[in-house]
Amino acid sequence: MSSSDRASQKFCGILVRKDRWGLSWRGRLILVLLGFLTAVLLLLTAEPFLAETHRVNSDTLVVEGWIHEYAIRRAVEEFRTGSYQHVLSTGGPVVGNGGYVNDYQTSASVGADELKKRGVPSEMVQMVPSRVMNRDRTYASAVALREWLREHDMTVSSLNVLTEDTHARRTHLLFEKALGKNVTVGIIAVPNPDYNARRWWMYSEGVKDVVSEGIAYLYARLFFIPWEPANQEKATQISQAYY
């Protein structure tokens, strides 16, 4: 062993000294600047990315029944300004009931009632409830919609889904997965009036919406695997007639 090798070791070779590359002050500065620019980019683009709106030509409007009153009002405006012949309200058991009770205690039923109260003709509104509550509720609602369309022999080549703000991109993705390639899915995001979307990081509600939906979208995009209920009767509720 050479003298230089012995000089780089101590305690019988237990400790060894090795040369390594490290960041200089210039490198650290560049790293900090890149991190800052990335943070700014996320702040400016995260909310618009999640709250996407992309309509398609369709006579069918799907409204997620759990949305708040401000979004229901926007859904009524969408119906009045569009050329819609069908308005379908989707959603599972109302939160707080402990699970599925009946069709009329689902978000789909609540949403349908609210739409009719605000002027959408009753004959054009249909609730499409889901029984699923404990997993992938948005996807389960889309599956229930798919099965309802099949049950009623209603051929739909395109539809627009209306939902709230940052939930839109995930809704769009999951409805596309559930409905398949033969149905073109448009998406309409209704802005949350409780905060300025351009400055969402300045509001606790905005931070909660963007962070939680951002994580949920990444999960849906990267890890979610579409599933089919083993028993459709237990998994989805298909109403038997218009009401």
Protein backbone atom coordinates (compact mmCIF):
# COMPACT_ATOMS: atom_id res chain seq x y z
CA MET A 1 0.00 0.00 0.00
CA SER A 2 1.39 3.37 -0.98
CA SER A 3 1.84 6.22 1.50
CA SER A 4 -0.98 8.22 -0.17
CA ASP A 5 -3.38 5.29 0.27
CA ARG A 6 -2.44 4.98 3.95
CA ALA A 7 -2.97 8.74 4.41
CA SER A 8 -6.55 8.50 3.12
CA GLN A 9 -7.48 5.81 5.67
CA LYS A 10 -7.87 5.82 9.45
CA PHE A 11 -8.68 3.29 12.13
CA CYS A 12 -7.43 0.29 10.16
CA GLY A 13 -9.37 1.23 7.06
CA ILE A 14 -12.74 1.71 8.79
CA LEU A 15 -12.84 5.34 7.68
CA VAL A 16 -11.82 6.25 4.14
CA ARG A 17 -11.40 9.75 2.77
CA LYS A 18 -12.51 10.28 -0.82
CA ASP A 19 -12.62 13.34 -3.05
CA ARG A 20 -16.09 14.37 -4.25
CA TRP A 21 -17.73 16.99 -6.40
CA GLY A 22 -19.94 19.58 -4.69
CA LEU A 23 -21.90 22.65 -5.67
CA SER A 24 -20.08 25.94 -5.73
CA TRP A 25 -21.79 29.15 -4.64
CA ARG A 26 -22.74 29.70 -8.28
CA GLY A 27 -24.24 26.23 -8.46
CA ARG A 28 -26.22 26.80 -5.26
CA LEU A 29 -27.48 30.13 -6.60
CA ILE A 30 -28.65 28.52 -9.84
CA LEU A 31 -30.38 25.75 -7.86
CA VAL A 32 -32.18 28.30 -5.68
CA LEU A 33 -33.27 30.30 -8.74
CA LEU A 34 -34.58 27.17 -10.45
CA GLY A 35 -36.52 26.25 -7.34
CA PHE A 36 -37.97 29.75 -7.13
CA LEU A 37 -38.98 29.78 -10.79
CA THR A 38 -40.58 26.34 -10.43
CA ALA A 39 -42.59 27.53 -7.43
CA VAL A 40 -43.76 30.62 -9.30
CA LEU A 41 -44.73 28.51 -12.30
CA LEU A 42 -46.77 26.17 -10.09
CA LEU A 43 -48.50 29.08 -8.39
CA LEU A 44 -49.50 30.61 -11.71
CA THR A 45 -50.52 27.46 -13.59
CA ALA A 46 -51.79 24.94 -11.02
CA GLU A 47 -55.32 26.31 -10.66
CA PRO A 48 -55.96 26.95 -14.38
CA PHE A 49 -54.59 23.48 -15.16
CA LEU A 50 -56.92 21.74 -12.71
CA ALA A 51 -59.95 23.94 -13.46
CA GLU A 52 -60.03 23.22 -17.17
CA THR A 53 -63.00 24.02 -19.38
CA HIS A 54 -63.33 22.37 -22.76
CA ARG A 55 -66.84 22.12 -24.19
CA VAL A 56 -67.85 19.82 -27.02
CA ASN A 57 -70.90 19.96 -29.25
CA SER A 58 -73.55 17.91 -27.51
CA ASP A 59 -77.23 17.87 -26.56
CA THR A 60 -76.46 16.13 -23.24
CA LEU A 61 -75.37 17.99 -20.12
CA VAL A 62 -74.17 15.99 -17.10
CA VAL A 63 -74.15 17.80 -13.76
CA GLU A 64 -72.36 16.38 -10.74
CA GLY A 65 -75.15 16.54 -8.18
CA TRP A 66 -72.97 17.26 -5.16
CA ILE A 67 -71.93 20.73 -6.39
CA HIS A 68 -72.80 23.86 -4.40
CA GLU A 69 -75.56 26.34 -5.16
CA TYR A 70 -73.34 28.73 -7.16
CA ALA A 71 -72.43 25.88 -9.51
CA ILE A 72 -76.06 24.75 -9.81
CA ARG A 73 -76.95 28.29 -10.93
CA ARG A 74 -74.20 28.11 -13.52
CA ALA A 75 -75.51 24.75 -14.71
CA VAL A 76 -78.93 26.33 -15.30
CA GLU A 77 -77.29 29.12 -17.31
CA GLU A 78 -75.36 26.53 -19.31
CA PHE A 79 -78.60 24.72 -20.11
CA ARG A 80 -80.33 27.91 -21.21
CA THR A 81 -77.52 29.10 -23.44
CA GLY A 82 -76.74 25.70 -24.93
CA SER A 83 -78.71 23.35 -27.15
CA TYR A 84 -79.25 20.65 -24.55
CA GLN A 85 -82.08 18.14 -24.71
CA HIS A 86 -81.04 16.07 -21.69
CA VAL A 87 -79.71 17.11 -18.28
CA LEU A 88 -78.43 14.20 -16.19
CA SER A 89 -77.56 14.63 -12.52
CA THR A 90 -75.04 12.13 -11.13
CA GLY A 91 -73.76 11.27 -7.68
CA GLY A 92 -73.73 8.75 -4.87
CA PRO A 93 -75.17 8.60 -1.34
CA VAL A 94 -75.47 11.91 0.48
CA VAL A 95 -72.59 12.32 2.93
CA GLY A 96 -73.68 11.77 6.52
CA ASN A 97 -76.26 9.06 5.88
CA GLY A 98 -73.83 6.24 6.55
CA GLY A 99 -74.10 4.83 3.05
CA TYR A 100 -76.78 4.09 0.48
CA VAL A 101 -80.39 4.41 1.73
CA ASN A 102 -82.42 4.94 -1.43
CA ASP A 103 -82.26 6.80 -4.74
CA TYR A 104 -83.74 9.95 -3.28
CA GLN A 105 -81.00 10.33 -0.68
CA THR A 106 -78.22 10.63 -3.23
CA SER A 107 -76.43 13.64 -4.64
CA ALA A 108 -77.95 12.78 -8.01
CA SER A 109 -81.47 13.28 -6.62
CA VAL A 110 -80.51 16.46 -4.74
CA GLY A 111 -78.89 17.94 -7.83
CA ALA A 112 -81.86 17.07 -10.04
CA ASP A 113 -84.28 18.73 -7.61
CA GLU A 114 -82.16 21.88 -7.47
CA LEU A 115 -81.99 22.11 -11.25
CA LYS A 116 -85.75 21.82 -11.58
CA LYS A 117 -86.37 24.39 -8.85
CA ARG A 118 -84.28 26.85 -10.83
CA GLY A 119 -86.19 26.46 -14.04
CA VAL A 120 -84.85 23.48 -15.99
CA PRO A 121 -87.93 21.66 -17.36
CA SER A 122 -88.69 18.53 -15.32
CA GLU A 123 -89.05 16.36 -18.40
CA MET A 124 -85.48 17.14 -19.40
CA VAL A 125 -83.93 16.37 -16.01
CA GLN A 126 -83.00 12.86 -14.92
CA MET A 127 -81.21 11.65 -11.82
CA VAL A 128 -78.61 8.94 -12.38
CA PRO A 129 -77.64 7.83 -8.88
CA SER A 130 -74.77 5.61 -7.81
CA ARG A 131 -74.72 3.37 -4.73
CA VAL A 132 -70.95 3.54 -4.31
CA MET A 133 -69.64 5.73 -1.49
CA ASN A 134 -66.46 4.22 -0.06
CA ARG A 135 -64.18 4.36 -3.12
CA ASP A 136 -63.57 6.39 -6.26
CA ARG A 137 -66.91 8.18 -6.08
CA THR A 138 -66.41 10.27 -9.22
CA TYR A 139 -65.49 7.22 -11.25
CA ALA A 140 -68.38 5.24 -9.73
CA SER A 141 -70.78 8.02 -10.77
CA ALA A 142 -69.43 7.86 -14.31
CA VAL A 143 -69.88 4.07 -14.36
CA ALA A 144 -73.46 4.48 -13.12
CA LEU A 145 -74.07 6.95 -15.94
CA ARG A 146 -72.66 4.54 -18.51
CA GLU A 147 -74.92 1.74 -17.25
CA TRP A 148 -77.96 4.02 -17.16
CA LEU A 149 -77.41 5.00 -20.80
CA ARG A 150 -77.19 1.32 -21.76
CA GLU A 151 -80.27 0.42 -19.73
CA HIS A 152 -82.31 3.10 -21.47
CA ASP A 153 -80.88 2.43 -24.95
CA MET A 154 -79.73 6.03 -25.11
CA THR A 155 -76.90 6.42 -27.60
CA VAL A 156 -74.64 9.33 -26.70
CA SER A 157 -71.58 10.15 -28.78
CA SER A 158 -70.67 13.25 -26.77
CA LEU A 159 -71.60 15.01 -23.56
CA ASN A 160 -70.48 17.90 -21.37
CA VAL A 161 -69.85 17.41 -17.66
CA LEU A 162 -70.26 20.41 -15.35
CA THR A 163 -68.48 20.44 -12.01
CA GLU A 164 -66.71 22.73 -9.58
CA ASP A 165 -63.44 24.50 -10.28
CA THR A 166 -60.32 22.42 -9.54
CA HIS A 167 -62.25 19.15 -9.58
CA ALA A 168 -62.73 19.50 -13.34
CA ARG A 169 -59.57 17.90 -14.74
CA ARG A 170 -59.91 14.81 -12.56
CA THR A 171 -63.61 14.53 -13.41
CA HIS A 172 -62.77 14.79 -17.10
CA LEU A 173 -60.16 12.04 -16.85
CA LEU A 174 -62.33 9.62 -14.87
CA PHE A 175 -65.42 10.10 -17.04
CA GLU A 176 -63.32 9.39 -20.12
CA LYS A 177 -62.02 6.20 -18.50
CA ALA A 178 -65.51 5.06 -17.55
CA LEU A 179 -67.35 5.98 -20.75
CA GLY A 180 -64.72 4.76 -23.18
CA LYS A 181 -63.46 5.92 -26.53
CA ASN A 182 -66.87 6.03 -28.21
CA VAL A 183 -68.02 8.99 -26.12
CA THR A 184 -66.37 12.40 -26.41
CA VAL A 185 -66.34 14.06 -23.01
CA GLY A 186 -66.33 17.83 -22.60
CA ILE A 187 -65.76 19.51 -19.27
CA ILE A 188 -67.02 22.75 -17.73
CA ALA A 189 -65.40 24.12 -14.56
CA VAL A 190 -67.38 26.61 -12.48
CA PRO A 191 -65.09 29.04 -10.58
CA ASN A 192 -65.38 29.15 -6.80
CA PRO A 193 -66.67 32.63 -5.85
CA ASP A 194 -65.06 32.43 -2.40
CA TYR A 195 -61.57 33.22 -3.69
CA ASN A 196 -59.73 34.78 -6.60
CA ALA A 197 -58.46 31.91 -8.74
CA ARG A 198 -55.49 34.02 -9.91
CA ARG A 199 -54.36 34.42 -6.29
CA TRP A 200 -55.53 31.09 -4.91
CA TRP A 201 -52.49 30.73 -2.62
CA MET A 202 -53.64 33.75 -0.61
CA TYR A 203 -56.85 31.99 0.52
CA SER A 204 -57.13 28.96 2.78
CA GLU A 205 -60.01 27.64 0.64
CA GLY A 206 -57.91 28.05 -2.50
CA VAL A 207 -54.92 26.25 -0.99
CA LYS A 208 -57.13 23.40 0.19
CA ASP A 209 -58.79 23.03 -3.22
CA VAL A 210 -55.63 23.20 -5.32
CA VAL A 211 -53.45 21.01 -3.10
CA SER A 212 -56.05 18.31 -2.46
CA GLU A 213 -57.24 18.16 -6.06
CA GLY A 214 -53.68 18.30 -7.35
CA ILE A 215 -52.77 15.23 -5.31
CA ALA A 216 -56.00 13.47 -6.28
CA TYR A 217 -55.40 14.16 -9.98
CA LEU A 218 -51.86 12.80 -9.83
CA TYR A 219 -53.20 9.65 -8.21
CA ALA A 220 -55.90 9.30 -10.88
CA ARG A 221 -53.41 9.90 -13.67
CA LEU A 222 -50.55 7.74 -12.42
CA PHE A 223 -51.99 5.02 -10.20
CA PHE A 224 -55.73 4.66 -10.74
CA ILE A 225 -56.85 1.41 -12.37
CA PRO A 226 -60.40 1.37 -13.77
CA TRP A 227 -62.53 -1.25 -12.07
CA GLU A 228 -65.82 -2.91 -12.81
CA PRO A 229 -68.23 -3.74 -9.98
CA ALA A 230 -68.55 -7.46 -9.36
CA ASN A 231 -72.27 -6.96 -8.87
CA GLN A 232 -73.81 -4.07 -10.76
CA GLU A 233 -76.95 -4.21 -8.61
CA LYS A 234 -74.87 -3.48 -5.53
CA ALA A 235 -72.50 -1.04 -7.14
CA THR A 236 -74.78 1.26 -9.10
CA GLN A 237 -78.38 2.32 -8.97
CA ILE A 238 -80.11 2.56 -12.29
CA SER A 239 -83.42 4.36 -12.03
CA GLN A 240 -86.17 2.72 -14.02
CA ALA A 241 -88.02 5.76 -15.34
CA TYR A 242 -87.88 9.51 -15.74
CA TYR A 243 -89.51 11.49 -13.00
